[in-house]
Amino acid sequence: MPLRPDMEPGEFLDILRRRKWVIVFSVLLIHIGSVVYCVLAPDMYRSTMKLLVIPPAVSEGMVQSTVNIGASDRLKMLEQDILSRSRLMGVINDLGLFKEESRKMSSDAVVDKVRKRIELDIPKKNTFILSFEHENPEVAMRVTSRLGSFFVEENIRSREATARDTSKFLEDEVQETRKRLEAQEEKLKQYKFHFGGELPQQEQANLNRLQRLQDQIKDNRDATARLADRKVFLEAQISNIERNTLGRDNQDPWETLGSGDQSSPNYLRSELALRKKNLAELSKKYTPLYPAVVQARWEVEQLEGKIAAMRQAARSAGEKSARGAANPSTPKSTPDLEPPNGDTGEMRRLREQVAAIDLEVVALKRESANAVQTMDQIQRKVERLPQREQEMIALSRDYDNLKRSYEELLKKKLESQVSQKLEEKQKGEQFQVLEPANLPTRPFKPDRPMVLGLALLASLVIGVGGAFGHEMLDPTLRGSKEFRSFFDIPILACLPVIRDDRLNRRLAVRRAEVVGGLVSILGAYLVFLVINGQKVQSILQSIRQSLGVGN
C-alpha cells in the first residue's frame, strides 16, 4: 500500500505488524553477521611508545648547529628511512614476523602489510607517538621498541652524518677557494711585476720623480751656465796672460794689474758680465720696479763705477810712471805693473781648468739627456695609468671577492667543526624515550561492543526501512479508508476476506518457510557458537571488562 500523508500512528503500527518478519530477519541476519565478524576477526593489539624531543644541551647562541632541520621535518625524513623496504625486512627477519604469510605472499606485500600497521603521530611540538599493531601483544611491543630505537639511533646518526658532510663540504670549498685565491694573487703579483711603474698607486711617485728630473735638468742647465761663465772667465785670463806675454807697452795700464785677486780687470769684467746676465733674466720675469730688479741694477751700476774708477786710477799711475822714466832721479812707484813671474805655469793651470770645465759640461749634458729620456718614459707610464687603473680594478675586485669568500667559508668551516664535535658528543637535539613500548592487555580492534551496538542499530534501521519499503511497493489496498484515499468513487459494500483451503495452504506454506528459515539460521548460529565456544567466551569476557560489568 502506498503511504499517505494523513496516516495515523495506528496505521504505521499495522504496517510494522504486517512486515514483522522482514524486521525479524533483518535484525537476526545483521546481528548474526556482526557476531560472526567479532568471532572470526583476529584480535589486533596496539603497542605505543612516546618519545620526547630534547633541545640542544648547548645554547644556539653559543654554538650554531649546522643541522637546522626542524623536528617535524626530520621526523618525516626518518620515517621514510625507517619504513624503507631494507629496514623493515631486517625487522621482519629478526623478529620472525608473518612467517606463514611470507610463504604465500611476496616480500613486498609483507613489507606493505607491516608498513600499514605502523603509525607515527605528532600531537605536540616536542613529543611524538609511535605505535604498531599485531595479533600478538608481545610481538607488537617488541616491534614498537625496535622501531623506537631506530628513531633514536637514526636521529643521532643522521645528525652526525649531516654535520660531518657539511664540514667536509666546507673543507673542500675552502681548499678550492684557497687555490683560486692563490692563483688570483699570483696573477695580481705578476701583473704588478710586469707593469711596475705604471700602477695607480705609483702615480704620485712618478709625478714626484718627474719633478725631481725637471729640477735636475734645471740645476744642470744652471750649472752649465755657471761653468760657461767660468770658462769665459778662465779664457779671458788666458788671453790676458797671452797679451801680457806679447807686450805690455801696448796695453791699458789697468789691464796690467794682477789677475789673481778680486780687483783684477778680468775678474771684475767677469763679475760685471754675470751681474748683467742676472739683471737681464730678472727683467724678463719682473717689472723694472721689482725689488730684485732694482737691486741687480744697482749692483751693476756700482760695479761699472768701480771699474771706471780703477781704470782712471791706473791711467794716472801710468802717466806718473812715464814721467818718472823721463826723470831718472824719480824712483819707481809702480812695481805692480811689472810683468808677473810664472806666466807659463799659470796658463797651464788655467787651461787644465778649462778642460775640466769642458768635461763637466759634457757630463752635465749627458745627464740632462738621460733625464729627458727618463722623463719621456715616465710620461708614457703616466699616460697609461688610466688603462692600468681599470685593469687593476678588475683584478683587485676579483681578488677581494675571492678573499672575502674565502674568509666567510673559513669562518663557516670553523663553526661547522664545532657543530660536528657538538653532534659527536651528542649535545645537540636528541630523541629520548619518554614512555617505553607498553604490553597491551586488551585488543585495539575490533571494538566488539561498538561493532555489536552499531550492528543492532543498523539492523533496526534496515528492518524498519525494509518494512516500509515493502509496504510502499505492495499495491494492495486494505480497507475502505485506503480506497477512498486513491479513488473518488462511492463505496456500496465491503466484502470480508474469504479463507478457503487454497488461502490456508498458501498461508501454511509461508509460515513453514519462515519457521524453516528461522530454524536454519538459528541452528547454523548455534553450531557456529558451539564450534567457537572458547573464542566466544573470551569475547564475552572482554566485552564485560570493557563495559565494566562483573563476572
Protein backbone atom coordinates (compact mmCIF):
# COMPACT_ATOMS: atom_id res chain seq x y z
CA MET A 1 0.00 0.00 0.00
CA PRO A 2 1.41 3.38 -0.91
CA LEU A 3 1.95 5.63 2.08
CA ARG A 4 -0.42 8.55 2.59
CA PRO A 5 0.39 11.93 4.14
CA ASP A 6 -2.62 11.69 6.52
CA MET A 7 -1.75 8.33 8.03
CA GLU A 8 -2.36 7.82 11.73
CA PRO A 9 0.09 6.21 14.19
CA GLY A 10 -2.02 3.09 14.36
CA GLU A 11 -1.63 2.60 10.65
CA PHE A 12 2.16 2.73 10.97
CA LEU A 13 1.95 0.08 13.70
CA ASP A 14 -0.19 -2.04 11.42
CA ILE A 15 2.50 -1.82 8.77
CA LEU A 16 5.15 -2.95 11.28
CA ARG A 17 2.92 -5.88 12.36
CA ARG A 18 2.34 -6.94 8.78
CA ARG A 19 6.06 -6.73 7.94
CA LYS A 20 7.32 -8.17 11.23
CA TRP A 21 9.21 -10.98 9.54
CA VAL A 22 11.17 -8.54 7.42
CA ILE A 23 12.24 -6.77 10.60
CA VAL A 24 12.96 -10.02 12.39
CA PHE A 25 15.06 -11.45 9.56
CA SER A 26 16.95 -8.16 9.09
CA VAL A 27 17.77 -7.90 12.79
CA LEU A 28 18.68 -11.55 13.03
CA LEU A 29 20.89 -11.65 9.94
CA ILE A 30 22.76 -8.45 10.75
CA HIS A 31 23.20 -9.49 14.37
CA ILE A 32 24.47 -12.91 13.39
CA GLY A 33 26.76 -11.32 10.82
CA SER A 34 28.21 -8.95 13.44
CA VAL A 35 28.73 -11.83 15.86
CA VAL A 36 30.44 -13.89 13.17
CA TYR A 37 32.70 -10.92 12.39
CA CYS A 38 33.53 -10.43 16.06
CA VAL A 39 34.36 -14.12 16.41
CA LEU A 40 36.31 -14.54 13.18
CA ALA A 41 38.08 -11.16 13.16
CA PRO A 42 41.53 -11.55 14.74
CA ASP A 43 42.39 -9.52 17.80
CA MET A 44 44.77 -6.71 16.96
CA TYR A 45 46.89 -5.32 19.80
CA ARG A 46 48.46 -1.89 19.59
CA SER A 47 51.68 -1.09 21.42
CA THR A 48 52.63 2.59 21.71
CA MET A 49 55.79 4.44 22.62
CA LYS A 50 56.10 8.14 23.36
CA LEU A 51 59.36 9.90 22.52
CA LEU A 52 60.47 13.35 23.64
CA VAL A 53 62.43 15.83 21.53
CA ILE A 54 65.18 17.22 23.78
CA PRO A 55 66.57 20.62 22.74
CA PRO A 56 70.36 21.08 22.37
CA ALA A 57 72.35 21.00 25.59
CA VAL A 58 74.41 23.97 24.35
CA SER A 59 72.59 27.19 23.55
CA GLU A 60 72.17 28.10 19.90
CA GLY A 61 73.65 31.49 20.71
CA MET A 62 76.90 29.86 21.79
CA VAL A 63 77.25 27.21 19.08
CA GLN A 64 75.31 27.39 15.84
CA SER A 65 74.32 23.90 14.72
CA THR A 66 74.68 23.03 11.05
CA VAL A 67 71.69 20.65 11.34
CA ASN A 68 68.95 23.24 11.03
CA ILE A 69 66.08 20.94 10.00
CA GLY A 70 63.03 21.17 12.26
CA ALA A 71 61.95 18.26 14.42
CA SER A 72 58.76 17.59 12.42
CA ASP A 73 60.59 17.66 9.08
CA ARG A 74 63.36 15.46 10.45
CA LEU A 75 60.77 13.02 11.77
CA LYS A 76 59.25 12.74 8.30
CA MET A 77 62.68 12.08 6.82
CA LEU A 78 63.46 9.50 9.48
CA GLU A 79 60.06 7.88 8.95
CA GLN A 80 60.78 7.46 5.24
CA ASP A 81 64.15 5.90 6.03
CA ILE A 82 62.91 3.61 8.79
CA LEU A 83 59.88 2.49 6.77
CA SER A 84 62.07 1.62 3.82
CA ARG A 85 61.99 -1.91 2.46
CA SER A 86 65.51 -2.86 3.59
CA ARG A 87 64.97 -1.62 7.14
CA LEU A 88 61.57 -3.32 7.53
CA MET A 89 62.85 -6.56 6.04
CA GLY A 90 65.54 -6.59 8.72
CA VAL A 91 62.88 -6.17 11.42
CA ILE A 92 60.71 -8.89 9.87
CA ASN A 93 63.58 -11.35 9.69
CA ASP A 94 64.94 -10.55 13.16
CA LEU A 95 61.56 -10.83 14.93
CA GLY A 96 60.10 -13.54 12.71
CA LEU A 97 57.02 -11.60 11.63
CA PHE A 98 54.40 -13.11 9.31
CA LYS A 99 56.19 -16.39 8.71
CA GLU A 100 53.08 -18.05 7.37
CA GLU A 101 52.14 -15.08 5.19
CA SER A 102 55.66 -14.81 3.79
CA ARG A 103 55.29 -18.31 2.30
CA LYS A 104 52.23 -17.24 0.32
CA MET A 105 52.94 -13.55 -0.23
CA SER A 106 55.82 -11.72 -1.82
CA SER A 107 58.31 -9.83 0.30
CA ASP A 108 56.99 -6.51 -0.99
CA ALA A 109 53.45 -7.43 0.06
CA VAL A 110 54.68 -8.41 3.54
CA VAL A 111 56.60 -5.12 3.82
CA ASP A 112 53.50 -3.17 2.79
CA LYS A 113 51.46 -5.05 5.38
CA VAL A 114 53.94 -4.16 8.11
CA ARG A 115 54.15 -0.57 6.89
CA LYS A 116 50.37 -0.13 7.09
CA ARG A 117 50.39 -1.23 10.72
CA ILE A 118 52.93 1.40 11.76
CA GLU A 119 51.62 4.80 12.75
CA LEU A 120 53.51 7.95 13.72
CA ASP A 121 51.54 10.68 15.46
CA ILE A 122 52.89 14.11 16.40
CA PRO A 123 50.35 15.58 18.82
CA LYS A 124 52.69 18.22 20.22
CA LYS A 125 55.70 20.12 19.09
CA ASN A 126 58.22 18.36 21.32
CA THR A 127 56.73 14.86 21.52
CA PHE A 128 55.59 12.18 19.10
CA ILE A 129 53.94 8.79 19.49
CA LEU A 130 54.97 5.63 17.63
CA SER A 131 52.61 2.64 17.51
CA PHE A 132 52.41 -0.80 15.88
CA GLU A 133 49.55 -3.28 15.62
CA HIS A 134 49.85 -7.07 15.70
CA GLU A 135 47.85 -10.12 16.66
CA ASN A 136 50.40 -10.94 19.37
CA PRO A 137 50.78 -8.23 22.04
CA GLU A 138 54.38 -9.23 22.80
CA VAL A 139 55.33 -9.02 19.14
CA ALA A 140 53.64 -5.63 18.93
CA MET A 141 55.68 -4.43 21.93
CA ARG A 142 58.97 -5.77 20.52
CA VAL A 143 58.39 -4.23 17.10
CA THR A 144 57.45 -0.88 18.65
CA SER A 145 60.59 -0.94 20.83
CA ARG A 146 62.74 -1.80 17.83
CA LEU A 147 61.25 0.98 15.71
CA GLY A 148 61.60 3.49 18.56
CA SER A 149 65.27 2.59 18.99
CA PHE A 150 65.65 3.06 15.23
CA PHE A 151 64.31 6.59 15.54
CA VAL A 152 66.66 7.44 18.41
CA GLU A 153 69.73 5.87 16.80
CA GLU A 154 68.98 7.09 13.30
CA ASN A 155 68.45 10.62 14.56
CA ILE A 156 71.90 10.59 16.18
CA ARG A 157 73.50 9.01 13.13
CA SER A 158 71.79 11.35 10.66
CA ARG A 159 72.71 14.45 12.66
CA GLU A 160 76.33 13.32 12.90
CA ALA A 161 76.37 12.48 9.20
CA THR A 162 74.83 15.83 8.29
CA ALA A 163 77.34 17.73 10.44
CA ARG A 164 80.22 15.65 9.06
CA ASP A 165 79.10 16.09 5.46
CA THR A 166 78.65 19.81 5.99
CA SER A 167 82.12 20.10 7.48
CA LYS A 168 83.61 18.04 4.62
CA PHE A 169 81.81 20.16 2.04
CA LEU A 170 83.04 23.38 3.61
CA GLU A 171 86.58 21.95 3.83
CA ASP A 172 86.53 21.17 0.11
CA GLU A 173 85.13 24.61 -0.68
CA VAL A 174 87.80 26.28 1.46
CA GLN A 175 90.56 24.34 -0.33
CA GLU A 176 89.15 25.15 -3.75
CA THR A 177 88.65 28.82 -2.87
CA ARG A 178 92.18 28.97 -1.45
CA LYS A 179 93.62 27.66 -4.72
CA ARG A 180 91.62 30.19 -6.69
CA LEU A 181 92.70 32.94 -4.30
CA GLU A 182 96.37 31.98 -4.61
CA ALA A 183 96.06 31.84 -8.40
CA GLN A 184 94.44 35.29 -8.43
CA GLU A 185 97.08 36.58 -6.03
CA GLU A 186 99.85 35.24 -8.28
CA LYS A 187 98.15 36.81 -11.27
CA LEU A 188 97.97 40.15 -9.46
CA LYS A 189 101.61 39.79 -8.43
CA GLN A 190 102.74 39.08 -11.98
CA TYR A 191 100.71 42.00 -13.24
CA LYS A 192 102.35 44.36 -10.74
CA PHE A 193 105.77 42.98 -11.59
CA HIS A 194 105.20 43.27 -15.35
CA PHE A 195 103.71 46.76 -15.24
CA GLY A 196 105.84 48.18 -12.46
CA GLY A 197 105.87 51.99 -12.55
CA GLU A 198 102.50 52.15 -14.35
CA LEU A 199 100.30 51.23 -11.41
CA PRO A 200 97.78 53.70 -9.99
CA GLN A 201 99.39 53.69 -6.55
CA GLN A 202 102.68 54.76 -8.18
CA GLU A 203 101.20 57.84 -9.82
CA GLN A 204 102.36 60.24 -7.11
CA ALA A 205 105.82 58.62 -7.08
CA ASN A 206 106.05 59.09 -10.85
CA LEU A 207 104.98 62.70 -10.58
CA ASN A 208 107.50 63.30 -7.83
CA ARG A 209 110.18 61.67 -9.94
CA LEU A 210 109.23 63.84 -12.91
CA GLN A 211 109.53 66.88 -10.69
CA ARG A 212 112.94 65.78 -9.46
CA LEU A 213 114.11 65.17 -13.01
CA GLN A 214 112.85 68.58 -14.08
CA ASP A 215 114.67 70.12 -11.11
CA GLN A 216 117.76 68.14 -12.04
CA ILE A 217 117.61 69.36 -15.64
CA LYS A 218 117.17 72.91 -14.42
CA ASP A 219 120.03 72.54 -11.98
CA ASN A 220 122.20 71.07 -14.76
CA ARG A 221 121.26 73.95 -17.03
CA ASP A 222 122.18 76.47 -14.33
CA ALA A 223 125.39 74.57 -13.57
CA THR A 224 126.20 74.54 -17.29
CA ALA A 225 125.62 78.28 -17.47
CA ARG A 226 127.85 78.85 -14.48
CA LEU A 227 130.54 76.66 -15.98
CA ALA A 228 130.26 78.56 -19.25
CA ASP A 229 130.72 81.80 -17.39
CA ARG A 230 133.62 80.29 -15.51
CA LYS A 231 135.10 79.10 -18.79
CA VAL A 232 134.73 82.60 -20.27
CA PHE A 233 136.42 83.97 -17.22
CA LEU A 234 139.30 81.49 -17.48
CA GLU A 235 139.68 82.05 -21.20
CA ALA A 236 139.76 85.78 -20.53
CA GLN A 237 142.54 85.23 -18.02
CA ILE A 238 144.40 83.08 -20.55
CA SER A 239 144.03 85.80 -23.19
CA ASN A 240 145.23 88.39 -20.71
CA ILE A 241 148.31 86.36 -19.92
CA GLU A 242 148.97 85.90 -23.60
CA ARG A 243 148.66 89.62 -24.21
CA ASN A 244 150.94 90.28 -21.26
CA THR A 245 153.41 87.90 -22.74
CA LEU A 246 153.36 89.60 -26.18
CA GLY A 247 153.94 93.04 -24.69
CA ARG A 248 152.65 95.22 -22.01
CA ASP A 249 153.52 98.54 -23.59
CA ASN A 250 150.53 98.49 -25.86
CA GLN A 251 148.08 97.64 -23.06
CA ASP A 252 145.97 99.78 -20.89
CA PRO A 253 147.81 100.32 -17.54
CA TRP A 254 144.66 98.96 -15.74
CA GLU A 255 144.98 95.71 -17.72
CA THR A 256 148.41 95.06 -16.24
CA LEU A 257 147.06 94.72 -12.72
CA GLY A 258 147.28 91.34 -11.04
CA SER A 259 144.89 88.72 -12.34
CA GLY A 260 144.68 86.57 -9.25
CA ASP A 261 142.70 88.81 -6.92
CA GLN A 262 139.15 90.19 -6.97
CA SER A 263 140.33 93.63 -8.15
CA SER A 264 141.87 92.30 -11.38
CA PRO A 265 140.33 93.53 -14.63
CA ASN A 266 139.33 90.05 -15.82
CA TYR A 267 137.59 89.20 -12.57
CA LEU A 268 135.72 92.49 -12.50
CA ARG A 269 134.71 92.11 -16.13
CA SER A 270 133.51 88.57 -15.47
CA GLU A 271 131.60 89.70 -12.40
CA LEU A 272 130.06 92.54 -14.38
CA ALA A 273 129.01 90.11 -17.12
CA LEU A 274 127.35 87.84 -14.56
CA ARG A 275 125.54 90.75 -12.94
CA LYS A 276 124.29 91.98 -16.30
CA LYS A 277 123.11 88.49 -17.23
CA ASN A 278 121.30 88.18 -13.92
CA LEU A 279 119.71 91.59 -14.49
CA ALA A 280 118.57 90.54 -17.97
CA GLU A 281 116.94 87.34 -16.65
CA LEU A 282 115.19 89.24 -13.84
CA SER A 283 113.99 91.89 -16.29
CA LYS A 284 112.33 89.19 -18.40
CA LYS A 285 110.34 87.93 -15.42
CA TYR A 286 109.61 91.06 -13.42
CA THR A 287 108.89 94.74 -13.87
CA PRO A 288 111.69 97.40 -13.57
CA LEU A 289 110.37 98.40 -10.15
CA TYR A 290 110.57 94.89 -8.74
CA PRO A 291 112.97 94.93 -5.70
CA ALA A 292 115.21 92.20 -7.08
CA VAL A 293 115.50 94.05 -10.43
CA VAL A 294 116.29 97.31 -8.68
CA GLN A 295 118.91 95.58 -6.52
CA ALA A 296 120.54 93.90 -9.54
CA ARG A 297 120.57 97.18 -11.50
CA TRP A 298 122.18 98.94 -8.53
CA GLU A 299 124.88 96.26 -8.26
CA VAL A 300 125.65 96.57 -11.99
CA GLU A 301 125.95 100.37 -11.68
CA GLN A 302 128.19 100.05 -8.61
CA LEU A 303 130.44 97.54 -10.37
CA GLU A 304 130.65 99.70 -13.50
CA GLY A 305 131.59 102.70 -11.36
CA LYS A 306 134.24 100.71 -9.54
CA ILE A 307 135.74 99.52 -12.84
CA ALA A 308 135.75 103.09 -14.20
CA ALA A 309 137.41 104.43 -11.02
CA MET A 310 140.05 101.76 -11.04
CA ARG A 311 140.69 102.33 -14.74
CA GLN A 312 141.13 106.06 -14.10
CA ALA A 313 143.46 105.38 -11.18
CA ALA A 314 145.55 103.02 -13.27
CA ARG A 315 145.90 105.58 -16.06
CA SER A 316 147.03 108.24 -13.60
CA ALA A 317 149.58 105.86 -12.17
CA GLY A 318 150.85 105.09 -15.68
CA GLU A 319 151.31 108.73 -16.51
CA LYS A 320 153.32 109.25 -13.33
CA SER A 321 155.46 106.25 -14.17
CA ALA A 322 156.11 107.64 -17.64
CA ARG A 323 157.20 110.97 -16.20
CA GLY A 324 159.47 109.17 -13.72
CA ALA A 325 161.12 107.30 -16.56
CA ALA A 326 161.83 110.61 -18.26
CA ASN A 327 163.31 111.90 -14.99
CA PRO A 328 165.85 109.30 -13.71
CA SER A 329 166.09 110.87 -10.31
CA THR A 330 162.42 109.91 -9.62
CA PRO A 331 162.21 106.46 -8.03
CA LYS A 332 159.81 103.79 -9.43
CA SER A 333 156.47 103.93 -7.68
CA THR A 334 154.51 101.27 -9.66
CA PRO A 335 156.17 97.99 -9.05
CA ASP A 336 152.82 96.24 -9.55
CA LEU A 337 152.92 96.98 -13.26
CA GLU A 338 155.89 94.72 -13.63
CA PRO A 339 155.13 91.57 -15.51
CA PRO A 340 154.36 88.71 -13.10
CA ASN A 341 156.62 85.69 -12.89
CA GLY A 342 155.45 82.16 -13.85
CA ASP A 343 153.01 83.17 -16.59
CA THR A 344 153.56 79.83 -18.32
CA GLY A 345 152.59 77.77 -15.22
CA GLU A 346 149.56 79.95 -14.69
CA MET A 347 148.39 79.43 -18.26
CA ARG A 348 148.83 75.69 -17.92
CA ARG A 349 146.74 75.66 -14.75
CA LEU A 350 144.06 77.77 -16.37
CA ARG A 351 143.95 75.57 -19.45
CA GLU A 352 143.57 72.48 -17.25
CA GLN A 353 140.64 74.14 -15.50
CA VAL A 354 139.07 74.95 -18.88
CA ALA A 355 139.48 71.32 -19.98
CA ALA A 356 137.91 70.13 -16.69
CA ILE A 357 135.04 72.54 -17.23
CA ASP A 358 134.52 71.11 -20.74
CA LEU A 359 134.40 67.58 -19.37
CA GLU A 360 131.97 68.60 -16.63
CA VAL A 361 129.73 70.35 -19.16
CA VAL A 362 129.69 67.22 -21.33
CA ALA A 363 128.79 65.12 -18.29
CA LEU A 364 126.01 67.53 -17.34
CA LYS A 365 124.62 67.50 -20.88
CA ARG A 366 124.72 63.71 -20.96
CA GLU A 367 122.99 63.58 -17.57
CA SER A 368 120.35 66.03 -18.81
CA ALA A 369 119.79 63.94 -21.94
CA ASN A 370 119.35 60.80 -19.83
CA ALA A 371 116.97 62.71 -17.56
CA VAL A 372 114.93 63.82 -20.58
CA GLN A 373 114.77 60.25 -21.85
CA THR A 374 113.72 59.02 -18.40
CA MET A 375 111.08 61.75 -18.27
CA ASP A 376 109.69 60.56 -21.59
CA GLN A 377 109.45 57.01 -20.27
CA ILE A 378 107.78 58.15 -17.07
CA GLN A 379 105.42 60.36 -19.05
CA ARG A 380 104.36 57.40 -21.15
CA LYS A 381 103.79 55.40 -17.99
CA VAL A 382 101.67 58.20 -16.56
CA GLU A 383 99.65 58.31 -19.76
CA ARG A 384 98.94 54.58 -19.42
CA LEU A 385 97.78 54.96 -15.82
CA PRO A 386 94.00 55.07 -16.64
CA GLN A 387 94.24 51.80 -18.56
CA ARG A 388 96.27 50.15 -15.81
CA GLU A 389 93.85 51.51 -13.24
CA GLN A 390 90.89 49.80 -14.93
CA GLU A 391 92.82 46.55 -15.21
CA MET A 392 93.91 46.80 -11.59
CA ILE A 393 90.32 47.48 -10.52
CA ALA A 394 89.15 44.30 -12.25
CA LEU A 395 92.00 42.21 -10.80
CA SER A 396 91.64 43.71 -7.34
CA ARG A 397 87.85 43.27 -7.38
CA ASP A 398 88.17 39.59 -8.22
CA TYR A 399 90.87 39.19 -5.61
CA ASP A 400 88.84 40.99 -2.93
CA ASN A 401 85.74 38.93 -3.74
CA LEU A 402 87.71 35.69 -3.52
CA LYS A 403 89.36 36.82 -0.31
CA ARG A 404 86.04 37.78 1.25
CA SER A 405 84.52 34.48 0.11
CA TYR A 406 87.50 32.58 1.50
CA GLU A 407 87.22 34.34 4.87
CA GLU A 408 83.49 33.61 5.08
CA LEU A 409 84.00 29.96 4.13
CA LEU A 410 86.83 29.64 6.64
CA LYS A 411 84.60 31.06 9.36
CA LYS A 412 81.78 28.69 8.42
CA LYS A 413 84.23 25.80 8.34
CA LEU A 414 85.36 26.51 11.90
CA GLU A 415 81.74 26.78 13.01
CA SER A 416 80.88 23.51 11.28
CA GLN A 417 83.78 21.77 13.02
CA VAL A 418 82.48 22.95 16.39
CA SER A 419 78.98 21.80 15.40
CA GLN A 420 80.38 18.42 14.35
CA LYS A 421 82.01 17.98 17.75
CA LEU A 422 78.71 19.01 19.35
CA GLU A 423 76.86 16.27 17.45
CA GLU A 424 79.56 13.66 18.05
CA LYS A 425 79.31 14.30 21.79
CA GLN A 426 75.50 14.09 21.47
CA LYS A 427 74.94 17.58 22.81
CA GLY A 428 72.60 18.58 20.00
CA GLU A 429 68.89 17.99 19.65
CA GLN A 430 68.13 14.38 20.65
CA PHE A 431 65.20 11.97 20.90
CA GLN A 432 64.56 10.43 24.32
CA VAL A 433 62.11 7.65 25.18
CA LEU A 434 59.54 9.27 27.44
CA GLU A 435 57.26 6.23 27.69
CA PRO A 436 58.64 2.85 26.58
CA ALA A 437 56.61 0.48 24.45
CA ASN A 438 53.79 -0.99 26.53
CA LEU A 439 52.49 -4.56 26.54
CA PRO A 440 48.82 -4.26 25.51
CA THR A 441 46.36 -6.34 27.53
CA ARG A 442 43.24 -5.59 25.51
CA PRO A 443 42.83 -5.77 21.76
CA PHE A 444 42.79 -2.48 19.97
CA LYS A 445 40.45 -3.77 17.28
CA PRO A 446 37.93 -4.96 16.55
CA ASP A 447 35.96 -2.97 19.10
CA ARG A 448 33.33 -5.63 19.63
CA PRO A 449 30.92 -3.68 21.86
CA MET A 450 30.87 -0.88 19.33
CA VAL A 451 30.52 -3.34 16.44
CA LEU A 452 27.59 -5.12 18.12
CA GLY A 453 25.93 -1.87 19.08
CA LEU A 454 26.28 -0.40 15.59
CA ALA A 455 25.06 -3.73 14.10
CA LEU A 456 21.94 -3.67 16.30
CA LEU A 457 21.21 -0.09 15.39
CA ALA A 458 21.81 -0.78 11.71
CA SER A 459 19.58 -3.89 11.83
CA LEU A 460 16.71 -1.92 13.33
CA VAL A 461 17.09 0.84 10.79
CA ILE A 462 17.34 -1.59 7.89
CA GLY A 463 14.45 -3.75 9.19
CA VAL A 464 12.07 -0.84 9.72
CA GLY A 465 13.17 0.79 6.48
CA GLY A 466 12.72 -2.52 4.64
CA ALA A 467 9.28 -2.96 6.12
CA PHE A 468 8.11 0.42 4.93
CA GLY A 469 9.82 -0.16 1.60
CA HIS A 470 7.95 -3.40 1.03
CA GLU A 471 4.75 -1.67 2.06
CA MET A 472 5.29 1.08 -0.48
CA LEU A 473 5.99 -1.43 -3.27
CA ASP A 474 2.86 -3.50 -2.41
CA PRO A 475 -0.10 -2.11 -4.46
CA THR A 476 -2.69 -3.90 -2.31
CA LEU A 477 -5.40 -1.66 -0.77
CA ARG A 478 -6.65 -2.73 2.63
CA GLY A 479 -9.95 -1.29 3.77
CA SER A 480 -12.36 1.35 2.59
CA LYS A 481 -10.30 4.14 4.05
CA GLU A 482 -7.36 3.38 1.85
CA PHE A 483 -9.68 3.00 -1.16
CA ARG A 484 -11.19 6.43 -0.55
CA SER A 485 -7.67 7.97 -0.41
CA PHE A 486 -6.95 6.96 -4.00
CA PHE A 487 -10.38 6.80 -5.69
CA ASP A 488 -13.21 9.32 -5.54
CA ILE A 489 -15.91 6.66 -6.01
CA PRO A 490 -18.73 5.87 -3.57
CA ILE A 491 -18.38 2.55 -1.75
CA LEU A 492 -21.55 0.45 -1.84
CA ALA A 493 -20.34 -2.54 0.25
CA CYS A 494 -17.24 -4.12 1.79
CA LEU A 495 -16.61 -7.89 1.50
CA PRO A 496 -14.52 -9.65 4.15
CA VAL A 497 -11.61 -11.96 3.33
CA ILE A 498 -12.86 -15.43 2.44
CA ARG A 499 -10.49 -18.07 3.93
CA ASP A 500 -10.77 -21.12 1.72
CA ASP A 501 -8.47 -24.13 1.51
CA ARG A 502 -6.27 -22.54 -1.10
CA LEU A 503 -5.59 -19.49 1.07
CA ASN A 504 -4.99 -21.62 4.10
CA ARG A 505 -2.47 -23.79 2.23
CA ARG A 506 -0.63 -20.70 0.97
CA LEU A 507 -0.50 -19.22 4.47
CA ALA A 508 0.72 -22.55 5.85
CA VAL A 509 3.49 -22.77 3.26
CA ARG A 510 4.59 -19.22 4.01
CA ARG A 511 4.57 -19.93 7.73
CA ALA A 512 6.61 -23.05 7.18
CA GLU A 513 9.11 -21.17 5.05
CA VAL A 514 9.50 -18.52 7.71
CA VAL A 515 9.88 -21.02 10.52
CA GLY A 516 12.28 -23.12 8.46
CA GLY A 517 14.40 -20.11 7.66
CA LEU A 518 14.49 -19.08 11.29
CA VAL A 519 15.33 -22.59 12.45
CA SER A 520 18.07 -22.90 9.82
CA ILE A 521 19.60 -19.58 10.70
CA LEU A 522 19.43 -20.20 14.43
CA GLY A 523 20.78 -23.70 14.01
CA ALA A 524 23.73 -22.56 11.98
CA TYR A 525 24.28 -19.79 14.50
CA LEU A 526 24.24 -22.24 17.42
CA VAL A 527 26.62 -24.60 15.61
CA PHE A 528 29.00 -21.70 14.97
CA LEU A 529 28.82 -20.70 18.64
CA VAL A 530 29.50 -24.26 19.76
CA ILE A 531 32.48 -24.62 17.43
CA ASN A 532 33.96 -21.29 18.57
CA GLY A 533 32.80 -21.58 22.15
CA GLN A 534 36.17 -20.75 23.69
CA LYS A 535 36.60 -17.73 21.48
CA VAL A 536 33.05 -16.62 22.25
CA GLN A 537 33.69 -16.88 25.98
CA SER A 538 36.83 -14.76 25.71
CA ILE A 539 34.94 -12.24 23.61
CA LEU A 540 32.14 -12.07 26.18
CA GLN A 541 34.73 -11.70 28.93
CA SER A 542 36.43 -8.82 27.12
CA ILE A 543 33.06 -7.17 26.46
CA ARG A 544 32.14 -7.38 30.12
CA GLN A 545 35.54 -5.90 31.06
CA SER A 546 35.18 -3.09 28.58
CA LEU A 547 31.66 -2.35 29.81
CA GLY A 548 32.72 -2.60 33.45
CA VAL A 549 30.30 -5.43 34.25
CA GLY A 550 31.32 -8.09 36.78
CA ASN A 551 31.56 -11.82 36.04
